[in-house]
Amino acid sequence: MDLESKRIVRVLIVLSTMLVGLVLYLSYFEVFKADQIESHSFNRRQWLNEELVIRGSIIDRNGKILAYSEKVEDIQSRIYKYGSLYSHIIGYSHKEYGKSGIEASYNKLLIDDESNPIRVITDKITGTRDKGNNVILTIDHELQIMA
């Protein structure tokens, strides 16, 4: 083998090694991190699916609504009825800032993520929105005000 052939073989070995490394790196995400990436609050695809569902309400133990969704001009807006009083518990659900607190922990329940796929397709075709499930907390609004 002459010098030029050895160089070509070395370059091919380096490129092949890099390609194998890239495939292994991407496979790691596909196999081990897929669920975590899919459910991350900054995943834009998740927000697109959530726009088809009106988020469920967050309710205290006596039935007082603490957070609910309101549709204004085809845009869903999250309303926190008591402002920052429950912000440390409820958290927030915002496209730019992601989700935290109850909004993040019970996100799949609030958007009824376990719904029938056929119903999801028919809702997309007809333009109707499904309603998510409500979350009932054990906190008492009256006790929170007294504290």
N, C-alpha and C. Protein backbone atom coordinates (compact mmCIF):
# COMPACT_ATOMS: atom_id res chain seq x y z
N MET A 1 0.84 -1.19 0.00
CA MET A 1 0.00 0.00 0.00
C MET A 1 0.88 1.25 0.00
N ASP A 2 0.52 2.14 -0.85
CA ASP A 2 1.28 3.37 -0.87
C ASP A 2 0.74 4.36 0.15
N LEU A 3 1.41 5.47 0.31
CA LEU A 3 1.08 6.47 1.34
C LEU A 3 -0.32 7.05 1.15
N GLU A 4 -0.70 7.29 -0.10
CA GLU A 4 -2.01 7.87 -0.37
C GLU A 4 -3.14 6.91 0.01
N SER A 5 -3.00 5.65 -0.25
CA SER A 5 -4.01 4.65 0.11
C SER A 5 -4.15 4.53 1.62
N LYS A 6 -3.03 4.62 2.35
CA LYS A 6 -3.07 4.57 3.81
C LYS A 6 -3.84 5.75 4.38
N ARG A 7 -3.63 6.92 3.78
CA ARG A 7 -4.35 8.12 4.24
C ARG A 7 -5.86 7.98 4.00
N ILE A 8 -6.22 7.45 2.86
CA ILE A 8 -7.64 7.26 2.54
C ILE A 8 -8.26 6.28 3.52
N VAL A 9 -7.57 5.21 3.84
CA VAL A 9 -8.08 4.22 4.80
C VAL A 9 -8.24 4.85 6.17
N ARG A 10 -7.28 5.67 6.60
CA ARG A 10 -7.37 6.34 7.90
C ARG A 10 -8.57 7.28 7.96
N VAL A 11 -8.75 8.05 6.89
CA VAL A 11 -9.90 8.97 6.84
C VAL A 11 -11.20 8.19 6.89
N LEU A 12 -11.28 7.09 6.16
CA LEU A 12 -12.49 6.26 6.19
C LEU A 12 -12.73 5.67 7.57
N ILE A 13 -11.68 5.26 8.26
CA ILE A 13 -11.83 4.72 9.61
C ILE A 13 -12.32 5.80 10.56
N VAL A 14 -11.76 7.01 10.47
CA VAL A 14 -12.19 8.12 11.33
C VAL A 14 -13.65 8.47 11.06
N LEU A 15 -14.02 8.59 9.78
CA LEU A 15 -15.40 8.93 9.44
C LEU A 15 -16.37 7.82 9.87
N SER A 16 -15.99 6.58 9.69
CA SER A 16 -16.83 5.46 10.12
C SER A 16 -17.02 5.45 11.63
N THR A 17 -15.94 5.74 12.36
CA THR A 17 -16.02 5.80 13.83
C THR A 17 -16.95 6.93 14.27
N MET A 18 -16.84 8.08 13.60
CA MET A 18 -17.72 9.20 13.94
C MET A 18 -19.18 8.87 13.64
N LEU A 19 -19.42 8.20 12.52
CA LEU A 19 -20.79 7.82 12.16
C LEU A 19 -21.37 6.84 13.17
N VAL A 20 -20.59 5.85 13.56
CA VAL A 20 -21.05 4.88 14.56
C VAL A 20 -21.32 5.59 15.89
N GLY A 21 -20.45 6.53 16.28
CA GLY A 21 -20.66 7.29 17.51
C GLY A 21 -21.94 8.10 17.46
N LEU A 22 -22.20 8.73 16.31
CA LEU A 22 -23.43 9.51 16.15
C LEU A 22 -24.67 8.63 16.24
N VAL A 23 -24.63 7.47 15.60
CA VAL A 23 -25.76 6.54 15.64
C VAL A 23 -26.00 6.07 17.07
N LEU A 24 -24.94 5.75 17.80
CA LEU A 24 -25.09 5.32 19.20
C LEU A 24 -25.65 6.44 20.07
N TYR A 25 -25.18 7.66 19.85
CA TYR A 25 -25.65 8.81 20.62
C TYR A 25 -27.14 9.05 20.39
N LEU A 26 -27.57 9.02 19.14
CA LEU A 26 -28.99 9.22 18.83
C LEU A 26 -29.84 8.06 19.32
N SER A 27 -29.30 6.85 19.26
CA SER A 27 -30.03 5.68 19.76
C SER A 27 -30.25 5.77 21.27
N TYR A 28 -29.29 6.32 21.98
CA TYR A 28 -29.43 6.51 23.43
C TYR A 28 -30.66 7.36 23.73
N PHE A 29 -30.84 8.46 23.01
CA PHE A 29 -32.00 9.31 23.24
C PHE A 29 -33.29 8.61 22.84
N GLU A 30 -33.25 7.88 21.74
CA GLU A 30 -34.45 7.20 21.27
C GLU A 30 -34.89 6.10 22.22
N VAL A 31 -33.95 5.39 22.81
CA VAL A 31 -34.28 4.25 23.66
C VAL A 31 -34.51 4.65 25.11
N PHE A 32 -33.61 5.45 25.67
CA PHE A 32 -33.64 5.72 27.10
C PHE A 32 -34.30 7.04 27.49
N LYS A 33 -34.26 8.04 26.65
CA LYS A 33 -34.74 9.37 27.02
C LYS A 33 -36.02 9.79 26.31
N ALA A 34 -36.59 8.94 25.48
CA ALA A 34 -37.74 9.33 24.67
C ALA A 34 -38.93 9.78 25.51
N ASP A 35 -39.27 9.04 26.56
CA ASP A 35 -40.42 9.40 27.39
C ASP A 35 -40.19 10.73 28.10
N GLN A 36 -38.99 10.93 28.60
CA GLN A 36 -38.66 12.16 29.32
C GLN A 36 -38.71 13.37 28.37
N ILE A 37 -38.20 13.21 27.17
CA ILE A 37 -38.21 14.31 26.20
C ILE A 37 -39.64 14.60 25.75
N GLU A 38 -40.42 13.57 25.54
CA GLU A 38 -41.80 13.75 25.08
C GLU A 38 -42.65 14.47 26.12
N SER A 39 -42.45 14.17 27.39
CA SER A 39 -43.28 14.76 28.43
C SER A 39 -42.71 16.06 28.99
N HIS A 40 -41.58 16.52 28.49
CA HIS A 40 -40.98 17.76 28.99
C HIS A 40 -41.90 18.94 28.69
N SER A 41 -42.02 19.86 29.62
CA SER A 41 -42.98 20.95 29.48
C SER A 41 -42.61 21.94 28.38
N PHE A 42 -41.39 21.95 27.89
CA PHE A 42 -41.00 22.84 26.81
C PHE A 42 -41.12 22.19 25.43
N ASN A 43 -41.65 20.99 25.36
CA ASN A 43 -41.85 20.30 24.10
C ASN A 43 -42.99 20.97 23.35
N ARG A 44 -42.71 21.60 22.23
CA ARG A 44 -43.72 22.34 21.46
C ARG A 44 -44.82 21.44 20.90
N ARG A 45 -44.47 20.20 20.55
CA ARG A 45 -45.49 19.28 20.03
C ARG A 45 -46.55 19.00 21.08
N GLN A 46 -46.14 18.96 22.33
CA GLN A 46 -47.09 18.73 23.42
C GLN A 46 -48.09 19.88 23.49
N TRP A 47 -47.61 21.11 23.32
CA TRP A 47 -48.51 22.26 23.36
C TRP A 47 -49.51 22.22 22.21
N LEU A 48 -49.09 21.76 21.03
CA LEU A 48 -50.01 21.68 19.90
C LEU A 48 -51.14 20.70 20.19
N ASN A 49 -50.83 19.59 20.82
CA ASN A 49 -51.87 18.62 21.19
C ASN A 49 -52.77 19.18 22.29
N GLU A 50 -52.20 19.94 23.20
CA GLU A 50 -52.99 20.48 24.31
C GLU A 50 -53.95 21.57 23.87
N GLU A 51 -53.67 22.23 22.74
CA GLU A 51 -54.57 23.26 22.26
C GLU A 51 -55.92 22.69 21.83
N LEU A 52 -55.96 21.39 21.55
CA LEU A 52 -57.21 20.75 21.15
C LEU A 52 -58.10 20.42 22.34
N VAL A 53 -57.56 20.55 23.55
CA VAL A 53 -58.29 20.17 24.76
C VAL A 53 -58.40 21.37 25.68
N ILE A 54 -59.58 21.57 26.24
CA ILE A 54 -59.75 22.61 27.26
C ILE A 54 -59.30 22.00 28.58
N ARG A 55 -58.25 22.59 29.17
CA ARG A 55 -57.68 22.05 30.41
C ARG A 55 -58.74 22.00 31.50
N GLY A 56 -58.68 20.94 32.30
CA GLY A 56 -59.60 20.80 33.42
C GLY A 56 -59.32 21.84 34.50
N SER A 57 -60.24 21.98 35.41
CA SER A 57 -60.10 22.95 36.50
C SER A 57 -59.38 22.33 37.69
N ILE A 58 -58.81 23.20 38.52
CA ILE A 58 -58.21 22.77 39.78
C ILE A 58 -59.12 23.31 40.88
N ILE A 59 -59.60 22.40 41.74
CA ILE A 59 -60.66 22.71 42.70
C ILE A 59 -60.19 22.37 44.10
N ASP A 60 -60.62 23.18 45.10
CA ASP A 60 -60.28 22.84 46.49
C ASP A 60 -61.26 21.78 47.00
N ARG A 61 -61.08 21.35 48.24
CA ARG A 61 -61.88 20.22 48.74
C ARG A 61 -63.36 20.55 48.92
N ASN A 62 -63.70 21.83 48.98
CA ASN A 62 -65.10 22.23 49.13
C ASN A 62 -65.76 22.60 47.80
N GLY A 63 -65.05 22.42 46.71
CA GLY A 63 -65.64 22.69 45.40
C GLY A 63 -65.38 24.07 44.85
N LYS A 64 -64.56 24.89 45.51
CA LYS A 64 -64.23 26.22 44.98
C LYS A 64 -63.18 26.07 43.89
N ILE A 65 -63.43 26.70 42.77
CA ILE A 65 -62.51 26.62 41.64
C ILE A 65 -61.32 27.55 41.90
N LEU A 66 -60.12 26.98 41.84
CA LEU A 66 -58.89 27.75 42.07
C LEU A 66 -58.24 28.16 40.75
N ALA A 67 -58.34 27.31 39.74
CA ALA A 67 -57.79 27.61 38.41
C ALA A 67 -58.68 26.96 37.36
N TYR A 68 -58.90 27.67 36.27
CA TYR A 68 -59.72 27.14 35.19
C TYR A 68 -59.26 27.73 33.86
N SER A 69 -59.72 27.14 32.78
CA SER A 69 -59.37 27.62 31.44
C SER A 69 -60.56 28.32 30.83
N GLU A 70 -60.26 29.37 30.10
CA GLU A 70 -61.29 30.15 29.43
C GLU A 70 -60.88 30.33 27.98
N LYS A 71 -61.82 30.15 27.07
CA LYS A 71 -61.54 30.30 25.65
C LYS A 71 -61.91 31.72 25.22
N VAL A 72 -60.91 32.47 24.76
CA VAL A 72 -61.14 33.83 24.29
C VAL A 72 -60.63 33.91 22.85
N GLU A 73 -61.54 34.15 21.90
CA GLU A 73 -61.21 34.25 20.49
C GLU A 73 -60.36 33.07 20.01
N ASP A 74 -60.80 31.87 20.27
CA ASP A 74 -60.16 30.62 19.86
C ASP A 74 -58.78 30.39 20.50
N ILE A 75 -58.45 31.17 21.52
CA ILE A 75 -57.20 30.97 22.26
C ILE A 75 -57.56 30.63 23.69
N GLN A 76 -56.96 29.56 24.19
CA GLN A 76 -57.22 29.12 25.55
C GLN A 76 -56.35 29.91 26.53
N SER A 77 -56.97 30.42 27.57
CA SER A 77 -56.26 31.20 28.57
C SER A 77 -56.49 30.57 29.94
N ARG A 78 -55.44 30.46 30.72
CA ARG A 78 -55.55 29.87 32.06
C ARG A 78 -55.78 30.98 33.06
N ILE A 79 -56.84 30.87 33.85
CA ILE A 79 -57.21 31.88 34.84
C ILE A 79 -56.97 31.31 36.24
N TYR A 80 -56.21 32.05 37.04
CA TYR A 80 -55.96 31.67 38.43
C TYR A 80 -56.79 32.61 39.29
N LYS A 81 -57.90 32.09 39.79
CA LYS A 81 -58.93 32.90 40.42
C LYS A 81 -58.43 33.71 41.62
N TYR A 82 -57.51 33.16 42.40
CA TYR A 82 -57.05 33.85 43.60
C TYR A 82 -55.63 34.37 43.46
N GLY A 83 -55.21 34.61 42.24
CA GLY A 83 -53.90 35.20 41.98
C GLY A 83 -52.76 34.36 42.54
N SER A 84 -51.91 35.00 43.33
CA SER A 84 -50.71 34.33 43.83
C SER A 84 -50.93 33.57 45.14
N LEU A 85 -52.16 33.55 45.66
CA LEU A 85 -52.42 32.87 46.93
C LEU A 85 -52.06 31.39 46.86
N TYR A 86 -52.34 30.74 45.75
CA TYR A 86 -52.05 29.32 45.59
C TYR A 86 -50.94 29.05 44.58
N SER A 87 -50.19 30.06 44.22
CA SER A 87 -49.18 29.89 43.17
C SER A 87 -48.11 28.87 43.53
N HIS A 88 -47.77 28.76 44.81
CA HIS A 88 -46.75 27.80 45.22
C HIS A 88 -47.25 26.36 45.11
N ILE A 89 -48.55 26.15 45.15
CA ILE A 89 -49.12 24.81 45.05
C ILE A 89 -49.53 24.51 43.61
N ILE A 90 -50.32 25.39 43.03
CA ILE A 90 -50.86 25.17 41.69
C ILE A 90 -49.77 25.30 40.63
N GLY A 91 -48.87 26.26 40.80
CA GLY A 91 -47.84 26.50 39.80
C GLY A 91 -48.41 27.28 38.64
N TYR A 92 -47.97 26.97 37.43
CA TYR A 92 -48.44 27.68 36.25
C TYR A 92 -48.35 26.78 35.02
N SER A 93 -49.08 27.17 34.00
CA SER A 93 -49.04 26.49 32.71
C SER A 93 -48.98 27.58 31.65
N HIS A 94 -47.79 27.76 31.07
CA HIS A 94 -47.57 28.85 30.14
C HIS A 94 -46.68 28.37 28.99
N LYS A 95 -46.98 28.80 27.77
CA LYS A 95 -46.21 28.34 26.61
C LYS A 95 -44.75 28.75 26.68
N GLU A 96 -44.47 29.94 27.14
CA GLU A 96 -43.08 30.42 27.19
C GLU A 96 -42.31 29.86 28.38
N TYR A 97 -42.97 29.71 29.51
CA TYR A 97 -42.28 29.35 30.75
C TYR A 97 -42.45 27.88 31.13
N GLY A 98 -43.25 27.14 30.40
CA GLY A 98 -43.46 25.73 30.71
C GLY A 98 -44.53 25.54 31.78
N LYS A 99 -44.35 24.51 32.59
CA LYS A 99 -45.32 24.19 33.64
C LYS A 99 -44.60 23.91 34.93
N SER A 100 -45.33 24.13 36.05
CA SER A 100 -44.77 23.78 37.36
C SER A 100 -45.91 23.42 38.30
N GLY A 101 -45.57 22.88 39.45
CA GLY A 101 -46.55 22.56 40.48
C GLY A 101 -47.57 21.52 40.04
N ILE A 102 -48.82 21.71 40.50
CA ILE A 102 -49.92 20.80 40.15
C ILE A 102 -50.13 20.78 38.63
N GLU A 103 -49.98 21.93 38.00
CA GLU A 103 -50.16 22.02 36.54
C GLU A 103 -49.21 21.06 35.82
N ALA A 104 -48.00 20.90 36.31
CA ALA A 104 -47.04 19.99 35.68
C ALA A 104 -47.26 18.55 36.13
N SER A 105 -47.47 18.35 37.44
CA SER A 105 -47.60 17.00 37.98
C SER A 105 -48.82 16.27 37.44
N TYR A 106 -49.92 16.97 37.30
CA TYR A 106 -51.17 16.35 36.85
C TYR A 106 -51.54 16.79 35.44
N ASN A 107 -50.55 17.13 34.63
CA ASN A 107 -50.80 17.62 33.28
C ASN A 107 -51.59 16.61 32.45
N LYS A 108 -51.18 15.35 32.47
CA LYS A 108 -51.88 14.34 31.66
C LYS A 108 -53.33 14.18 32.09
N LEU A 109 -53.60 14.32 33.37
CA LEU A 109 -54.97 14.23 33.85
C LEU A 109 -55.76 15.48 33.44
N LEU A 110 -55.16 16.65 33.56
CA LEU A 110 -55.84 17.90 33.24
C LEU A 110 -56.20 18.01 31.76
N ILE A 111 -55.41 17.38 30.90
CA ILE A 111 -55.72 17.44 29.46
C ILE A 111 -56.34 16.15 28.95
N ASP A 112 -56.65 15.22 29.86
CA ASP A 112 -57.26 13.94 29.50
C ASP A 112 -56.45 13.25 28.42
N ASP A 113 -55.16 13.07 28.70
CA ASP A 113 -54.22 12.51 27.73
C ASP A 113 -54.51 11.06 27.39
N GLU A 114 -55.25 10.38 28.22
CA GLU A 114 -55.55 8.96 27.98
C GLU A 114 -56.82 8.78 27.15
N SER A 115 -57.23 9.83 26.44
CA SER A 115 -58.47 9.74 25.69
C SER A 115 -58.32 8.83 24.47
N ASN A 116 -59.44 8.46 23.91
CA ASN A 116 -59.51 7.56 22.77
C ASN A 116 -58.90 8.23 21.53
N PRO A 117 -57.95 7.59 20.85
CA PRO A 117 -57.32 8.20 19.67
C PRO A 117 -58.31 8.49 18.54
N ILE A 118 -59.34 7.69 18.42
CA ILE A 118 -60.35 7.93 17.38
C ILE A 118 -61.11 9.21 17.68
N ARG A 119 -61.40 9.44 18.96
CA ARG A 119 -62.09 10.67 19.36
C ARG A 119 -61.21 11.89 19.10
N VAL A 120 -59.90 11.75 19.32
CA VAL A 120 -58.98 12.86 19.06
C VAL A 120 -58.99 13.22 17.58
N ILE A 121 -58.99 12.22 16.71
CA ILE A 121 -59.00 12.47 15.26
C ILE A 121 -60.31 13.13 14.84
N THR A 122 -61.44 12.63 15.35
CA THR A 122 -62.72 13.24 14.99
C THR A 122 -62.83 14.66 15.53
N ASP A 123 -62.26 14.93 16.70
CA ASP A 123 -62.27 16.29 17.24
C ASP A 123 -61.45 17.23 16.36
N LYS A 124 -60.33 16.74 15.81
CA LYS A 124 -59.52 17.56 14.92
C LYS A 124 -60.28 17.88 13.64
N ILE A 125 -61.01 16.89 13.12
CA ILE A 125 -61.75 17.08 11.88
C ILE A 125 -62.92 18.04 12.09
N THR A 126 -63.67 17.84 13.17
CA THR A 126 -64.85 18.67 13.41
C THR A 126 -64.52 20.01 14.06
N GLY A 127 -63.32 20.13 14.62
CA GLY A 127 -62.93 21.39 15.25
C GLY A 127 -63.44 21.55 16.67
N THR A 128 -64.04 20.52 17.23
CA THR A 128 -64.52 20.61 18.61
C THR A 128 -63.37 20.34 19.57
N ARG A 129 -63.52 20.86 20.76
CA ARG A 129 -62.49 20.65 21.77
C ARG A 129 -63.02 19.74 22.86
N ASP A 130 -62.16 18.85 23.26
CA ASP A 130 -62.48 17.94 24.35
C ASP A 130 -62.21 18.66 25.66
N LYS A 131 -62.87 18.24 26.72
CA LYS A 131 -62.66 18.83 28.04
C LYS A 131 -61.79 17.89 28.86
N GLY A 132 -60.76 18.45 29.49
CA GLY A 132 -59.89 17.66 30.35
C GLY A 132 -60.56 17.36 31.68
N ASN A 133 -59.91 16.56 32.48
CA ASN A 133 -60.43 16.20 33.80
C ASN A 133 -60.08 17.26 34.83
N ASN A 134 -60.91 17.36 35.86
CA ASN A 134 -60.64 18.27 36.97
C ASN A 134 -59.77 17.59 38.01
N VAL A 135 -59.01 18.39 38.75
CA VAL A 135 -58.20 17.89 39.86
C VAL A 135 -58.74 18.51 41.13
N ILE A 136 -59.09 17.67 42.10
CA ILE A 136 -59.60 18.15 43.39
C ILE A 136 -58.50 18.01 44.42
N LEU A 137 -58.13 19.13 45.03
CA LEU A 137 -57.06 19.14 46.03
C LEU A 137 -57.64 18.97 47.43
N THR A 138 -56.79 18.68 48.38
CA THR A 138 -57.23 18.52 49.77
C THR A 138 -57.14 19.83 50.54
N ILE A 139 -56.67 20.90 49.91
CA ILE A 139 -56.58 22.17 50.63
C ILE A 139 -57.96 22.81 50.74
N ASP A 140 -58.14 23.61 51.77
CA ASP A 140 -59.40 24.29 52.04
C ASP A 140 -59.17 25.79 51.87
N HIS A 141 -59.93 26.41 50.97
CA HIS A 141 -59.77 27.83 50.68
C HIS A 141 -59.99 28.69 51.93
N GLU A 142 -61.01 28.36 52.71
CA GLU A 142 -61.31 29.16 53.91
C GLU A 142 -60.15 29.11 54.91
N LEU A 143 -59.55 27.93 55.09
CA LEU A 143 -58.40 27.82 55.99
C LEU A 143 -57.19 28.58 55.45
N GLN A 144 -57.01 28.57 54.15
CA GLN A 144 -55.90 29.31 53.56
C GLN A 144 -56.04 30.81 53.80
N ILE A 145 -57.26 31.31 53.71
CA ILE A 145 -57.49 32.74 53.94
C ILE A 145 -57.22 33.10 55.39
N MET A 146 -57.64 32.23 56.32
CA MET A 146 -57.41 32.49 57.75
C MET A 146 -55.93 32.43 58.09
N ALA A 147 -55.18 31.60 57.40
CA ALA A 147 -53.75 31.45 57.71
C ALA A 147 -53.02 32.59 57.12
